[in-house]
Amino acid sequence: MPDDFPTTHVLPDAIAAAPGEDNRLHFVMKQRRQRRPNIGKPIVEKYADGEWHALDDMAATLELDRDHVERALLGMQWTESYGCRAEKRRTGNTVQWRLFKTDRAIPVMELLAKLDPIVKRLRTEARKSQAAASPATVGLIAHDVQKLLTEWAEAAPTHSDRARRRRSTTAPVQGGSDP
């Protein structure tokens, strides 16, 4: 920082008086932390249900500033913080958000391997004429999809399961011990 740059008129005297430190950054970061409370957890608890919710309704229900709620949701959208993934859409003049908990994830290759045959069967059934199409076959295909969804909902590993499995399969650092 140049010596001729005046800092005393920007910062309070108590902050500017400490020599040898970058007090301006410390002061700004402290102000930002104090300005807004952390609201991610209440948003996730109330709205991480996979449904679309209007931003204004979310802010009113939580009794918080609309901008504060929107910034928290943008953070979730960009970084998937709080164990959630956020999606945004506009409908008319309203902004809506949808939150999904990311505690369970299914590998893409498994999805492709198990759903591709079902999609092919559906396409085959769709190509048939209306007289030849079988509602019973479509019902069986729907049942197969439902079985897969139930299987994934019950058996999908959580993030902590995957992390535990990763730790147990990695070799310990030479000279160290594996807990």
Protein backbone atom coordinates (compact mmCIF):
# COMPACT_ATOMS: atom_id res chain seq x y z
CA MET A 1 0.00 0.00 0.00
CA PRO A 2 1.50 3.39 -0.95
CA ASP A 3 2.53 5.66 1.92
CA ASP A 4 0.60 8.63 0.54
CA PHE A 5 -2.73 6.75 0.54
CA PRO A 6 -4.88 8.21 3.32
CA THR A 7 -6.56 5.50 5.39
CA THR A 8 -7.67 7.47 8.43
CA HIS A 9 -10.62 9.13 6.72
CA VAL A 10 -11.94 5.74 5.51
CA LEU A 11 -11.62 3.73 8.73
CA PRO A 12 -12.53 4.54 12.31
CA ASP A 13 -9.61 5.82 14.41
CA ALA A 14 -9.43 2.63 16.49
CA ILE A 15 -8.97 0.50 13.36
CA ALA A 16 -6.60 2.87 11.54
CA ALA A 17 -4.37 3.33 14.60
CA ALA A 18 -2.85 -0.17 14.57
CA PRO A 19 0.42 0.10 12.57
CA GLY A 20 1.81 -2.56 10.28
CA GLU A 21 -1.42 -4.46 9.52
CA ASP A 22 -3.77 -4.46 6.57
CA ASN A 23 -6.60 -3.15 8.71
CA ARG A 24 -8.83 -2.06 5.89
CA LEU A 25 -9.41 -5.64 4.67
CA HIS A 26 -9.92 -6.85 8.24
CA PHE A 27 -12.44 -4.07 8.89
CA VAL A 28 -14.40 -4.74 5.67
CA MET A 29 -14.51 -8.51 6.27
CA LYS A 30 -15.64 -7.97 9.87
CA GLN A 31 -18.38 -5.61 8.71
CA ARG A 32 -19.60 -8.11 6.12
CA ARG A 33 -19.73 -10.91 8.68
CA GLN A 34 -21.66 -8.75 11.10
CA ARG A 35 -24.06 -7.36 8.54
CA ARG A 36 -25.94 -10.50 7.58
CA PRO A 37 -26.65 -13.60 9.59
CA ASN A 38 -26.24 -17.05 8.08
CA ILE A 39 -29.68 -18.06 6.75
CA GLY A 40 -28.83 -21.08 4.62
CA LYS A 41 -29.90 -23.71 7.15
CA PRO A 42 -33.42 -22.32 7.72
CA ILE A 43 -33.93 -22.04 3.95
CA VAL A 44 -32.84 -25.65 3.42
CA GLU A 45 -34.95 -26.96 6.31
CA LYS A 46 -38.09 -25.27 5.00
CA TYR A 47 -37.70 -25.41 1.22
CA ALA A 48 -35.42 -28.32 0.16
CA ASP A 49 -38.37 -30.38 -1.05
CA GLY A 50 -37.87 -30.27 -4.84
CA GLU A 51 -40.90 -28.00 -5.34
CA TRP A 52 -40.88 -24.54 -6.89
CA HIS A 53 -41.24 -21.67 -4.39
CA ALA A 54 -41.61 -17.96 -5.14
CA LEU A 55 -38.73 -15.88 -3.81
CA ASP A 56 -41.07 -13.30 -2.30
CA ASP A 57 -43.02 -16.00 -0.45
CA MET A 58 -39.80 -17.52 0.88
CA ALA A 59 -38.60 -14.17 2.18
CA ALA A 60 -41.99 -13.39 3.75
CA THR A 61 -42.27 -16.79 5.43
CA LEU A 62 -38.74 -16.57 6.84
CA GLU A 63 -39.29 -12.89 7.73
CA LEU A 64 -36.08 -11.87 5.98
CA ASP A 65 -35.00 -9.35 3.40
CA ARG A 66 -35.71 -10.54 -0.16
CA ASP A 67 -32.20 -9.62 -1.34
CA HIS A 68 -30.64 -11.55 1.56
CA VAL A 69 -32.63 -14.69 0.69
CA GLU A 70 -31.80 -14.34 -3.00
CA ARG A 71 -28.07 -14.01 -2.32
CA ALA A 72 -28.14 -17.10 -0.12
CA LEU A 73 -29.94 -19.03 -2.87
CA LEU A 74 -27.45 -17.83 -5.49
CA GLY A 75 -24.66 -19.12 -3.27
CA MET A 76 -26.40 -22.50 -3.11
CA GLN A 77 -26.82 -22.47 -6.88
CA TRP A 78 -23.15 -21.72 -7.55
CA THR A 79 -21.46 -23.79 -4.84
CA GLU A 80 -24.09 -26.34 -3.78
CA SER A 81 -23.53 -25.21 -0.22
CA TYR A 82 -25.62 -26.45 2.71
CA GLY A 83 -25.88 -29.82 0.98
CA CYS A 84 -28.32 -28.43 -1.58
CA ARG A 85 -28.51 -27.70 -5.26
CA ALA A 86 -30.67 -24.72 -6.23
CA GLU A 87 -32.42 -23.99 -9.52
CA LYS A 88 -33.98 -20.69 -10.56
CA ARG A 89 -36.72 -19.90 -13.05
CA ARG A 90 -38.85 -16.92 -13.99
CA THR A 91 -42.58 -17.28 -14.43
CA GLY A 92 -44.08 -14.01 -15.53
CA ASN A 93 -42.83 -11.34 -13.13
CA THR A 94 -42.00 -13.73 -10.30
CA VAL A 95 -38.76 -15.54 -9.57
CA GLN A 96 -39.05 -19.09 -8.30
CA TRP A 97 -36.46 -21.36 -6.73
CA ARG A 98 -36.30 -25.11 -6.29
CA LEU A 99 -33.92 -26.80 -3.85
CA PHE A 100 -32.73 -30.40 -3.92
CA LYS A 101 -30.73 -32.01 -1.16
CA THR A 102 -27.57 -33.55 -2.53
CA ASP A 103 -27.16 -36.10 0.24
CA ARG A 104 -27.79 -38.93 -2.22
CA ALA A 105 -26.39 -39.25 -5.70
CA ILE A 106 -26.55 -41.99 -8.32
CA PRO A 107 -23.65 -42.40 -10.74
CA VAL A 108 -24.46 -41.31 -14.28
CA MET A 109 -23.21 -44.57 -15.77
CA GLU A 110 -25.64 -46.53 -13.60
CA LEU A 111 -28.50 -44.28 -14.67
CA LEU A 112 -27.65 -44.75 -18.33
CA ALA A 113 -27.19 -48.49 -18.02
CA LYS A 114 -30.49 -49.09 -16.23
CA LEU A 115 -32.71 -46.50 -17.90
CA ASP A 116 -31.56 -46.87 -21.50
CA PRO A 117 -33.31 -50.25 -22.04
CA ILE A 118 -36.52 -48.82 -20.58
CA VAL A 119 -36.36 -45.80 -22.88
CA LYS A 120 -35.85 -48.10 -25.87
CA ARG A 121 -38.89 -50.18 -24.88
CA LEU A 122 -40.99 -47.01 -24.56
CA ARG A 123 -39.88 -45.79 -27.98
CA THR A 124 -40.76 -49.15 -29.51
CA GLU A 125 -44.21 -48.98 -27.94
CA ALA A 126 -44.67 -45.37 -29.11
CA ARG A 127 -43.93 -46.35 -32.74
CA LYS A 128 -46.80 -48.80 -32.81
CA SER A 129 -50.15 -47.76 -34.21
CA GLN A 130 -52.84 -46.83 -31.74
CA ALA A 131 -54.63 -50.12 -32.38
CA ALA A 132 -51.47 -52.21 -31.82
CA ALA A 133 -50.19 -50.28 -28.79
CA SER A 134 -50.61 -52.09 -25.51
CA PRO A 135 -51.49 -50.11 -22.37
CA ALA A 136 -50.44 -53.18 -20.36
CA THR A 137 -46.92 -52.98 -21.81
CA VAL A 138 -46.68 -49.29 -20.93
CA GLY A 139 -47.86 -50.17 -17.43
CA LEU A 140 -45.11 -52.80 -17.11
CA ILE A 141 -42.51 -50.30 -18.25
CA ALA A 142 -43.81 -47.77 -15.71
CA HIS A 143 -43.54 -50.47 -13.04
CA ASP A 144 -39.89 -51.08 -14.01
CA VAL A 145 -39.15 -47.36 -13.66
CA GLN A 146 -40.88 -47.31 -10.26
CA LYS A 147 -38.79 -50.30 -9.10
CA LEU A 148 -35.57 -48.52 -10.09
CA LEU A 149 -36.61 -45.33 -8.32
CA THR A 150 -37.43 -47.25 -5.15
CA GLU A 151 -34.12 -49.12 -5.35
CA TRP A 152 -32.17 -45.89 -5.73
CA ALA A 153 -34.06 -44.13 -2.96
CA GLU A 154 -33.30 -46.94 -0.53
CA ALA A 155 -29.78 -47.87 -1.58
CA ALA A 156 -28.13 -44.70 -2.89
CA PRO A 157 -24.96 -44.05 -0.91
CA THR A 158 -24.71 -40.78 0.97
CA HIS A 159 -21.77 -38.38 0.59
CA SER A 160 -20.35 -39.60 3.90
CA ASP A 161 -20.58 -43.25 2.71
CA ARG A 162 -18.62 -42.42 -0.44
CA ALA A 163 -16.03 -40.44 1.52
CA ARG A 164 -15.62 -43.31 3.99
CA ARG A 165 -15.23 -45.80 1.14
CA ARG A 166 -12.67 -43.52 -0.56
CA ARG A 167 -10.64 -43.23 2.66
CA SER A 168 -10.63 -46.98 3.18
CA THR A 169 -9.44 -47.72 -0.39
CA THR A 170 -6.62 -45.18 -0.53
CA ALA A 171 -3.16 -46.22 0.57
CA PRO A 172 -1.81 -44.48 3.68
CA VAL A 173 0.97 -41.95 3.26
CA GLN A 174 4.36 -43.56 3.72
CA GLY A 175 5.40 -43.27 7.35
CA GLY A 176 1.87 -42.28 8.41
CA SER A 177 -0.96 -44.28 9.82
CA ASP A 178 -4.47 -44.73 8.48
CA PRO A 179 -7.08 -43.96 11.19
